[in-house]
Amino acid sequence: MLHGLRALGRATSPETMPPLTNIDRFISSAFRSVWALELLLELKRTPDGPRSKEDLVTALRASEVVVIRGVEGLLAAGLITEENDGSVRYAPASAELDEAVCEAAGLYQSRPDAVRRLIVASSTDGLNAFSDAFKIRGID
């Protein structure tokens, strides 16, 4: 069982935050956005079979771009599969991934703001690294 969630309370600096746990790392790496997590949870609630992207746009009240990007990320993470007709379904590549999704879903249900902060922080870290690549060194 994975445990933890580092972003539980008020905002803190990276230096004062406890180390990432396994579930924190999973959430940070598997979900580029909260929309992606919501998309995965919607698919997990639909064990009957694949869902079209159009159906997911309607169910989530999201844009087509949000759903397409979410699907791309979840496919890359090995959490869903895509059928020949373009529909998608929940299908983790391993039992460990399924367990991690179940734990992430439980944490999201009990502490949604903390999970959101963790996802946003991980995407912000990537943006900061990207922007840092363009900084001119040696100029104050």
N, C-alpha and C. Protein backbone atom coordinates (compact mmCIF):
# COMPACT_ATOMS: atom_id res chain seq x y z
N MET A 1 0.84 -1.18 0.00
CA MET A 1 0.00 0.00 0.00
C MET A 1 0.89 1.24 0.00
N LEU A 2 0.56 2.20 -0.82
CA LEU A 2 1.28 3.47 -0.87
C LEU A 2 0.68 4.39 0.17
N HIS A 3 1.50 5.23 0.76
CA HIS A 3 0.97 6.16 1.77
C HIS A 3 1.54 7.54 1.58
N GLY A 4 0.77 8.54 2.04
CA GLY A 4 1.30 9.88 2.12
C GLY A 4 0.56 10.86 1.26
N LEU A 5 0.89 12.08 1.51
CA LEU A 5 0.46 13.21 0.71
C LEU A 5 1.17 14.39 1.31
N ARG A 6 2.15 14.89 0.62
CA ARG A 6 3.00 15.90 1.24
C ARG A 6 2.35 17.26 1.31
N ALA A 7 1.44 17.56 0.42
CA ALA A 7 0.88 18.91 0.34
C ALA A 7 -0.42 19.01 1.14
N LEU A 8 -0.38 18.70 2.42
CA LEU A 8 -1.60 18.62 3.19
C LEU A 8 -2.10 19.94 3.75
N GLY A 9 -1.28 20.81 4.12
CA GLY A 9 -1.78 22.00 4.82
C GLY A 9 -1.56 23.25 4.02
N ARG A 10 -1.10 24.23 4.74
CA ARG A 10 -0.86 25.53 4.12
C ARG A 10 0.33 25.45 3.18
N ALA A 11 0.45 26.44 2.35
CA ALA A 11 1.55 26.49 1.40
C ALA A 11 2.88 26.62 2.14
N THR A 12 3.85 25.83 1.69
CA THR A 12 5.19 25.90 2.26
C THR A 12 6.18 25.92 1.13
N SER A 13 7.39 26.31 1.44
CA SER A 13 8.41 26.34 0.41
C SER A 13 8.93 24.93 0.18
N PRO A 14 9.54 24.66 -0.98
CA PRO A 14 10.06 23.33 -1.26
C PRO A 14 11.08 22.86 -0.23
N GLU A 15 11.80 23.80 0.38
CA GLU A 15 12.81 23.42 1.37
C GLU A 15 12.19 22.88 2.65
N THR A 16 10.97 23.30 3.00
CA THR A 16 10.35 22.87 4.24
C THR A 16 9.35 21.75 4.07
N MET A 17 9.12 21.32 2.84
CA MET A 17 8.16 20.24 2.61
C MET A 17 8.82 18.90 2.87
N PRO A 18 8.07 17.97 3.45
CA PRO A 18 8.62 16.64 3.64
C PRO A 18 8.89 15.97 2.30
N PRO A 19 9.72 14.93 2.30
CA PRO A 19 10.02 14.25 1.03
C PRO A 19 8.76 13.63 0.42
N LEU A 20 8.80 13.47 -0.88
CA LEU A 20 7.67 12.84 -1.57
C LEU A 20 7.55 11.38 -1.17
N THR A 21 6.32 10.91 -1.01
CA THR A 21 6.07 9.50 -0.77
C THR A 21 5.76 8.84 -2.11
N ASN A 22 5.57 7.53 -2.10
CA ASN A 22 5.26 6.82 -3.34
C ASN A 22 3.97 7.34 -3.98
N ILE A 23 2.94 7.56 -3.19
CA ILE A 23 1.69 8.03 -3.78
C ILE A 23 1.83 9.46 -4.29
N ASP A 24 2.61 10.29 -3.57
CA ASP A 24 2.87 11.65 -4.04
C ASP A 24 3.57 11.61 -5.41
N ARG A 25 4.57 10.75 -5.52
CA ARG A 25 5.31 10.64 -6.79
C ARG A 25 4.39 10.14 -7.90
N PHE A 26 3.54 9.18 -7.57
CA PHE A 26 2.60 8.67 -8.57
C PHE A 26 1.68 9.79 -9.06
N ILE A 27 1.07 10.50 -8.14
CA ILE A 27 0.15 11.58 -8.50
C ILE A 27 0.88 12.65 -9.32
N SER A 28 2.06 13.03 -8.87
CA SER A 28 2.83 14.08 -9.56
C SER A 28 3.23 13.67 -10.97
N SER A 29 3.56 12.40 -11.16
CA SER A 29 4.04 11.97 -12.47
C SER A 29 2.92 11.51 -13.41
N ALA A 30 1.84 11.00 -12.87
CA ALA A 30 0.79 10.43 -13.73
C ALA A 30 -0.21 11.47 -14.24
N PHE A 31 -0.36 12.57 -13.52
CA PHE A 31 -1.41 13.53 -13.87
C PHE A 31 -0.82 14.90 -14.17
N ARG A 32 -0.93 15.32 -15.42
CA ARG A 32 -0.45 16.65 -15.82
C ARG A 32 -1.37 17.74 -15.34
N SER A 33 -2.62 17.37 -15.06
CA SER A 33 -3.59 18.35 -14.61
C SER A 33 -4.65 17.64 -13.77
N VAL A 34 -5.42 18.42 -13.05
CA VAL A 34 -6.54 17.86 -12.29
C VAL A 34 -7.57 17.28 -13.26
N TRP A 35 -7.69 17.88 -14.45
CA TRP A 35 -8.60 17.33 -15.47
C TRP A 35 -8.22 15.90 -15.80
N ALA A 36 -6.93 15.60 -15.90
CA ALA A 36 -6.49 14.24 -16.22
C ALA A 36 -6.92 13.27 -15.13
N LEU A 37 -6.79 13.68 -13.87
CA LEU A 37 -7.25 12.83 -12.77
C LEU A 37 -8.76 12.63 -12.85
N GLU A 38 -9.50 13.70 -13.09
CA GLU A 38 -10.96 13.59 -13.21
C GLU A 38 -11.35 12.67 -14.37
N LEU A 39 -10.63 12.77 -15.48
CA LEU A 39 -10.88 11.92 -16.63
C LEU A 39 -10.66 10.45 -16.28
N LEU A 40 -9.55 10.17 -15.61
CA LEU A 40 -9.26 8.78 -15.22
C LEU A 40 -10.33 8.25 -14.28
N LEU A 41 -10.73 9.05 -13.32
CA LEU A 41 -11.75 8.60 -12.37
C LEU A 41 -13.09 8.37 -13.06
N GLU A 42 -13.41 9.19 -14.05
CA GLU A 42 -14.64 8.98 -14.83
C GLU A 42 -14.57 7.64 -15.58
N LEU A 43 -13.42 7.34 -16.16
CA LEU A 43 -13.26 6.07 -16.87
C LEU A 43 -13.29 4.89 -15.90
N LYS A 44 -12.71 5.07 -14.73
CA LYS A 44 -12.70 4.00 -13.73
C LYS A 44 -14.12 3.68 -13.25
N ARG A 45 -14.97 4.69 -13.20
CA ARG A 45 -16.37 4.49 -12.78
C ARG A 45 -17.21 3.82 -13.87
N THR A 46 -16.63 3.61 -15.05
CA THR A 46 -17.36 3.03 -16.18
C THR A 46 -16.75 1.68 -16.54
N PRO A 47 -17.06 0.64 -15.78
CA PRO A 47 -16.46 -0.66 -16.07
C PRO A 47 -17.11 -1.37 -17.26
N ASP A 48 -18.20 -0.81 -17.79
CA ASP A 48 -18.96 -1.46 -18.87
C ASP A 48 -18.19 -1.56 -20.18
N GLY A 49 -17.27 -0.67 -20.40
CA GLY A 49 -16.55 -0.69 -21.66
C GLY A 49 -16.00 0.66 -22.02
N PRO A 50 -15.50 0.77 -23.23
CA PRO A 50 -14.86 2.01 -23.65
C PRO A 50 -15.84 3.17 -23.79
N ARG A 51 -15.30 4.38 -23.66
CA ARG A 51 -16.10 5.60 -23.80
C ARG A 51 -15.48 6.45 -24.90
N SER A 52 -16.32 7.08 -25.67
CA SER A 52 -15.83 7.97 -26.73
C SER A 52 -15.33 9.26 -26.09
N LYS A 53 -14.44 9.93 -26.80
CA LYS A 53 -13.93 11.21 -26.31
C LYS A 53 -15.06 12.24 -26.26
N GLU A 54 -15.98 12.17 -27.19
CA GLU A 54 -17.12 13.09 -27.20
C GLU A 54 -17.97 12.90 -25.95
N ASP A 55 -18.18 11.64 -25.57
CA ASP A 55 -18.94 11.33 -24.37
C ASP A 55 -18.23 11.86 -23.12
N LEU A 56 -16.91 11.76 -23.11
CA LEU A 56 -16.14 12.26 -21.97
C LEU A 56 -16.18 13.78 -21.89
N VAL A 57 -16.18 14.45 -23.04
CA VAL A 57 -16.31 15.91 -23.06
C VAL A 57 -17.62 16.30 -22.39
N THR A 58 -18.68 15.62 -22.74
CA THR A 58 -20.00 15.90 -22.16
C THR A 58 -20.04 15.55 -20.67
N ALA A 59 -19.56 14.38 -20.32
CA ALA A 59 -19.61 13.92 -18.92
C ALA A 59 -18.82 14.82 -17.99
N LEU A 60 -17.66 15.27 -18.45
CA LEU A 60 -16.79 16.10 -17.61
C LEU A 60 -17.07 17.60 -17.77
N ARG A 61 -17.90 17.94 -18.76
CA ARG A 61 -18.14 19.35 -19.08
C ARG A 61 -16.81 20.05 -19.35
N ALA A 62 -16.00 19.38 -20.15
CA ALA A 62 -14.66 19.86 -20.47
C ALA A 62 -14.59 20.16 -21.96
N SER A 63 -13.49 20.77 -22.35
CA SER A 63 -13.28 21.01 -23.77
C SER A 63 -12.69 19.76 -24.42
N GLU A 64 -12.80 19.71 -25.72
CA GLU A 64 -12.22 18.58 -26.46
C GLU A 64 -10.71 18.54 -26.28
N VAL A 65 -10.06 19.70 -26.26
CA VAL A 65 -8.61 19.76 -26.08
C VAL A 65 -8.21 19.20 -24.72
N VAL A 66 -8.95 19.53 -23.68
CA VAL A 66 -8.65 19.02 -22.34
C VAL A 66 -8.74 17.50 -22.32
N VAL A 67 -9.77 16.96 -22.93
CA VAL A 67 -9.94 15.51 -22.95
C VAL A 67 -8.85 14.84 -23.78
N ILE A 68 -8.55 15.39 -24.93
CA ILE A 68 -7.51 14.81 -25.78
C ILE A 68 -6.16 14.81 -25.08
N ARG A 69 -5.80 15.92 -24.45
CA ARG A 69 -4.52 15.98 -23.72
C ARG A 69 -4.52 15.02 -22.53
N GLY A 70 -5.65 14.94 -21.84
CA GLY A 70 -5.75 14.01 -20.72
C GLY A 70 -5.59 12.58 -21.18
N VAL A 71 -6.23 12.23 -22.27
CA VAL A 71 -6.12 10.88 -22.82
C VAL A 71 -4.68 10.57 -23.20
N GLU A 72 -4.01 11.52 -23.85
CA GLU A 72 -2.61 11.31 -24.24
C GLU A 72 -1.73 11.02 -23.03
N GLY A 73 -1.90 11.80 -21.98
CA GLY A 73 -1.09 11.60 -20.77
C GLY A 73 -1.40 10.29 -20.08
N LEU A 74 -2.67 9.92 -20.01
CA LEU A 74 -3.06 8.68 -19.34
C LEU A 74 -2.62 7.46 -20.15
N LEU A 75 -2.63 7.57 -21.48
CA LEU A 75 -2.11 6.49 -22.31
C LEU A 75 -0.62 6.31 -22.06
N ALA A 76 0.11 7.43 -22.03
CA ALA A 76 1.56 7.37 -21.80
C ALA A 76 1.89 6.80 -20.43
N ALA A 77 1.03 7.05 -19.44
CA ALA A 77 1.26 6.55 -18.08
C ALA A 77 0.84 5.09 -17.92
N GLY A 78 0.24 4.51 -18.95
CA GLY A 78 -0.18 3.11 -18.87
C GLY A 78 -1.42 2.89 -18.02
N LEU A 79 -2.28 3.90 -17.95
CA LEU A 79 -3.47 3.81 -17.10
C LEU A 79 -4.75 3.53 -17.88
N ILE A 80 -4.75 3.80 -19.18
CA ILE A 80 -5.91 3.54 -20.02
C ILE A 80 -5.44 2.92 -21.33
N THR A 81 -6.38 2.38 -22.08
CA THR A 81 -6.09 1.90 -23.43
C THR A 81 -7.06 2.55 -24.40
N GLU A 82 -6.63 2.61 -25.65
CA GLU A 82 -7.46 3.20 -26.70
C GLU A 82 -7.86 2.10 -27.68
N GLU A 83 -9.13 2.07 -28.00
CA GLU A 83 -9.66 1.08 -28.94
C GLU A 83 -9.44 1.57 -30.37
N ASN A 84 -9.66 0.69 -31.33
CA ASN A 84 -9.48 1.04 -32.75
C ASN A 84 -10.37 2.21 -33.19
N ASP A 85 -11.53 2.34 -32.57
CA ASP A 85 -12.44 3.43 -32.95
C ASP A 85 -12.14 4.75 -32.24
N GLY A 86 -11.07 4.78 -31.43
CA GLY A 86 -10.68 5.99 -30.72
C GLY A 86 -11.26 6.12 -29.33
N SER A 87 -12.16 5.23 -28.96
CA SER A 87 -12.70 5.28 -27.60
C SER A 87 -11.64 4.76 -26.62
N VAL A 88 -11.82 5.10 -25.36
CA VAL A 88 -10.82 4.73 -24.35
C VAL A 88 -11.50 4.06 -23.16
N ARG A 89 -10.71 3.28 -22.43
CA ARG A 89 -11.24 2.63 -21.23
C ARG A 89 -10.14 2.53 -20.18
N TYR A 90 -10.57 2.44 -18.94
CA TYR A 90 -9.66 2.28 -17.81
C TYR A 90 -9.02 0.90 -17.92
N ALA A 91 -7.71 0.85 -17.95
CA ALA A 91 -7.00 -0.43 -18.06
C ALA A 91 -5.56 -0.24 -17.62
N PRO A 92 -5.30 -0.16 -16.31
CA PRO A 92 -3.92 0.00 -15.84
C PRO A 92 -3.04 -1.16 -16.33
N ALA A 93 -1.81 -0.85 -16.63
CA ALA A 93 -0.88 -1.84 -17.16
C ALA A 93 -0.46 -2.88 -16.13
N SER A 94 -0.71 -2.63 -14.84
CA SER A 94 -0.33 -3.58 -13.80
C SER A 94 -1.24 -3.45 -12.59
N ALA A 95 -1.20 -4.46 -11.75
CA ALA A 95 -1.97 -4.42 -10.51
C ALA A 95 -1.47 -3.30 -9.60
N GLU A 96 -0.17 -3.03 -9.64
CA GLU A 96 0.39 -1.96 -8.82
C GLU A 96 -0.14 -0.60 -9.25
N LEU A 97 -0.26 -0.39 -10.56
CA LEU A 97 -0.83 0.87 -11.04
C LEU A 97 -2.30 0.99 -10.64
N ASP A 98 -3.04 -0.11 -10.72
CA ASP A 98 -4.44 -0.09 -10.30
C ASP A 98 -4.54 0.26 -8.82
N GLU A 99 -3.66 -0.31 -8.01
CA GLU A 99 -3.64 0.00 -6.58
C GLU A 99 -3.31 1.47 -6.34
N ALA A 100 -2.36 1.99 -7.08
CA ALA A 100 -1.98 3.41 -6.94
C ALA A 100 -3.15 4.31 -7.33
N VAL A 101 -3.87 3.96 -8.39
CA VAL A 101 -5.03 4.74 -8.80
C VAL A 101 -6.09 4.72 -7.71
N CYS A 102 -6.33 3.54 -7.14
CA CYS A 102 -7.33 3.43 -6.07
C CYS A 102 -6.95 4.30 -4.87
N GLU A 103 -5.67 4.29 -4.51
CA GLU A 103 -5.24 5.12 -3.39
C GLU A 103 -5.32 6.60 -3.73
N ALA A 104 -4.92 6.96 -4.95
CA ALA A 104 -5.02 8.36 -5.36
C ALA A 104 -6.48 8.82 -5.35
N ALA A 105 -7.38 7.95 -5.80
CA ALA A 105 -8.81 8.29 -5.80
C ALA A 105 -9.31 8.50 -4.38
N GLY A 106 -8.87 7.65 -3.46
CA GLY A 106 -9.27 7.80 -2.05
C GLY A 106 -8.75 9.09 -1.46
N LEU A 107 -7.50 9.42 -1.75
CA LEU A 107 -6.94 10.68 -1.25
C LEU A 107 -7.66 11.87 -1.86
N TYR A 108 -7.98 11.77 -3.14
CA TYR A 108 -8.68 12.87 -3.81
C TYR A 108 -10.07 13.06 -3.22
N GLN A 109 -10.70 11.98 -2.85
CA GLN A 109 -12.03 12.08 -2.24
C GLN A 109 -11.95 12.68 -0.85
N SER A 110 -10.93 12.30 -0.07
CA SER A 110 -10.84 12.79 1.31
C SER A 110 -10.11 14.12 1.43
N ARG A 111 -9.17 14.39 0.54
CA ARG A 111 -8.37 15.63 0.60
C ARG A 111 -8.19 16.22 -0.79
N PRO A 112 -9.26 16.63 -1.44
CA PRO A 112 -9.15 17.09 -2.83
C PRO A 112 -8.22 18.29 -3.01
N ASP A 113 -8.26 19.24 -2.11
CA ASP A 113 -7.39 20.42 -2.26
C ASP A 113 -5.92 20.05 -2.18
N ALA A 114 -5.57 19.13 -1.30
CA ALA A 114 -4.18 18.72 -1.16
C ALA A 114 -3.71 18.01 -2.43
N VAL A 115 -4.54 17.16 -3.00
CA VAL A 115 -4.17 16.47 -4.24
C VAL A 115 -4.04 17.48 -5.37
N ARG A 116 -4.96 18.43 -5.45
CA ARG A 116 -4.88 19.48 -6.49
C ARG A 116 -3.57 20.26 -6.37
N ARG A 117 -3.22 20.63 -5.13
CA ARG A 117 -1.97 21.38 -4.93
C ARG A 117 -0.76 20.57 -5.37
N LEU A 118 -0.77 19.28 -5.10
CA LEU A 118 0.35 18.42 -5.50
C LEU A 118 0.47 18.37 -7.02
N ILE A 119 -0.65 18.23 -7.72
CA ILE A 119 -0.63 18.20 -9.19
C ILE A 119 -0.16 19.54 -9.75
N VAL A 120 -0.70 20.62 -9.22
CA VAL A 120 -0.31 21.95 -9.70
C VAL A 120 1.16 22.21 -9.40
N ALA A 121 1.63 21.81 -8.24
CA ALA A 121 3.03 22.02 -7.89
C ALA A 121 3.95 21.27 -8.84
N SER A 122 3.57 20.07 -9.22
CA SER A 122 4.42 19.30 -10.13
C SER A 122 4.44 19.93 -11.51
N SER A 123 3.31 20.47 -11.97
CA SER A 123 3.31 21.13 -13.28
C SER A 123 4.03 22.47 -13.20
N THR A 124 3.94 23.14 -12.06
CA THR A 124 4.66 24.40 -11.87
C THR A 124 6.16 24.17 -11.84
N ASP A 125 6.61 23.07 -11.22
CA ASP A 125 8.03 22.74 -11.21
C ASP A 125 8.56 22.59 -12.63
N GLY A 126 7.79 21.93 -13.49
CA GLY A 126 8.18 21.77 -14.89
C GLY A 126 8.23 23.10 -15.61
N LEU A 127 7.27 23.97 -15.35
CA LEU A 127 7.27 25.29 -15.97
C LEU A 127 8.45 26.12 -15.49
N ASN A 128 8.75 26.02 -14.19
CA ASN A 128 9.90 26.76 -13.66
C ASN A 128 11.20 26.27 -14.28
N ALA A 129 11.35 24.96 -14.43
CA ALA A 129 12.56 24.41 -15.04
C ALA A 129 12.68 24.88 -16.49
N PHE A 130 11.55 24.90 -17.19
CA PHE A 130 11.54 25.36 -18.58
C PHE A 130 11.94 26.83 -18.66
N SER A 131 11.35 27.66 -17.81
CA SER A 131 11.66 29.09 -17.85
C SER A 131 13.10 29.35 -17.40
N ASP A 132 13.59 28.55 -16.45
CA ASP A 132 14.97 28.71 -15.99
C ASP A 132 15.98 28.44 -17.12
N ALA A 133 15.62 27.62 -18.06
CA ALA A 133 16.51 27.31 -19.17
C ALA A 133 16.77 28.53 -20.04
N PHE A 134 15.88 29.52 -19.97
CA PHE A 134 16.02 30.71 -20.79
C PHE A 134 16.62 31.90 -20.03
N LYS A 135 16.91 31.71 -18.76
CA LYS A 135 17.50 32.81 -17.99
C LYS A 135 18.95 33.02 -18.40
N ILE A 136 19.35 34.26 -18.43
CA ILE A 136 20.72 34.59 -18.77
C ILE A 136 21.52 34.56 -17.47
N ARG A 137 22.52 33.73 -17.44
CA ARG A 137 23.32 33.55 -16.24
C ARG A 137 24.30 34.72 -16.07
N GLY A 138 24.56 35.09 -14.83
CA GLY A 138 25.55 36.09 -14.54
C GLY A 138 25.01 37.52 -14.54
N ILE A 139 23.74 37.69 -14.82
CA ILE A 139 23.15 39.03 -14.82
C ILE A 139 22.25 39.15 -13.59
N ASP A 140 22.48 40.16 -12.79
CA ASP A 140 21.67 40.37 -11.59
C ASP A 140 20.67 41.45 -11.78
